[in-house]
Protein backbone atom coordinates (compact mmCIF):
# COMPACT_ATOMS: atom_id res chain seq x y z
CA MET A 1 -100.73 65.26 37.79
CA PRO A 2 -101.79 63.22 40.87
CA ASN A 3 -101.01 64.69 44.26
CA LEU A 4 -100.52 62.25 47.13
CA PHE A 5 -100.23 62.66 50.88
CA LEU A 6 -97.89 59.88 51.98
CA SER A 7 -98.52 59.13 55.63
CA PRO A 8 -96.38 56.43 57.27
CA SER A 9 -97.27 55.58 60.85
CA VAL A 10 -96.21 57.87 63.70
CA GLN A 11 -96.72 55.10 66.30
CA GLU A 12 -93.17 54.78 67.61
CA TYR A 13 -94.44 53.07 70.76
CA ASN A 14 -96.09 50.23 68.84
CA PRO A 15 -93.26 47.65 68.87
CA TYR A 16 -93.27 44.51 66.78
CA VAL A 17 -93.63 41.25 68.68
CA ASN A 18 -90.10 40.15 67.74
CA GLY A 19 -88.66 43.32 69.30
CA LEU A 20 -86.89 44.29 66.09
CA GLY A 21 -88.50 47.65 65.49
CA SER A 22 -91.77 49.48 65.60
CA GLU A 23 -94.64 50.16 63.26
CA GLU A 24 -93.31 53.69 62.75
CA TYR A 25 -89.85 52.40 61.82
CA TYR A 26 -90.98 49.86 59.23
CA MET A 27 -93.71 51.98 57.66
CA ASN A 28 -91.17 54.78 57.18
CA LEU A 29 -88.83 52.32 55.46
CA ILE A 30 -91.66 51.48 53.06
CA ALA A 31 -92.31 55.18 52.43
CA ASP A 32 -88.57 55.71 51.83
CA ALA A 33 -88.64 52.95 49.20
CA MET A 34 -91.74 54.41 47.54
CA GLU A 35 -90.33 57.91 47.02
CA PRO A 36 -88.11 57.18 43.98
CA TYR A 37 -90.99 55.40 42.24
CA LEU A 38 -93.37 58.27 42.89
CA LEU A 39 -90.84 60.81 41.62
CA SER A 40 -90.01 58.82 38.48
CA SER A 41 -93.74 58.41 37.77
CA GLY A 42 -94.38 62.14 38.01
CA ILE A 43 -96.58 61.78 41.08
CA ALA A 44 -96.34 64.78 43.38
CA PHE A 45 -96.37 63.94 47.05
CA THR A 46 -96.05 65.37 50.51
CA ARG A 47 -94.88 63.21 53.37
CA ASN A 48 -95.55 63.64 57.06
CA ASP A 49 -92.67 64.02 59.51
CA PRO A 50 -92.23 61.05 61.88
CA GLU A 51 -91.80 63.53 64.73
CA GLN A 52 -95.34 64.86 64.25
CA THR A 53 -98.27 63.79 66.37
CA LEU A 54 -101.24 62.14 64.72
CA SER A 55 -103.26 65.34 65.16
CA GLN A 56 -100.56 67.30 63.33
CA VAL A 57 -100.48 64.77 60.48
CA ILE A 58 -104.26 64.96 60.08
CA ALA A 59 -104.18 68.77 60.09
CA GLN A 60 -101.38 68.80 57.49
CA SER A 61 -103.29 66.42 55.23
CA ASN A 62 -106.54 68.34 55.59
CA ALA A 63 -104.80 71.63 54.83
CA GLY A 64 -103.62 70.42 51.44
CA ASP A 65 -105.38 69.62 48.18
CA TYR A 66 -104.54 65.94 47.78
CA ASP A 67 -106.09 63.35 45.48
CA LEU A 68 -105.25 60.57 47.93
CA HIS A 69 -104.16 60.23 51.54
CA LEU A 70 -102.18 56.99 51.71
CA ALA A 71 -101.79 55.86 55.32
CA LEU A 72 -99.13 53.19 55.81
CA HIS A 73 -99.85 51.08 58.88
CA SER A 74 -99.30 47.45 59.75
């Protein structure tokens, strides 16, 4: 079974030009939408916490045995 590290952006201070959100906000919405599809496909995944720093996300990913680290950034 594939094992995925799902890593939406943690850049809360990277606002969109229209002022309607940030990279972190929208990439987490995409990750939220992906979860049911991953589960129904039998793909195991771990997801970083938006409150983590980038260093913490990298350490978490490196500590696991993942087939793919999928970084969601815009």
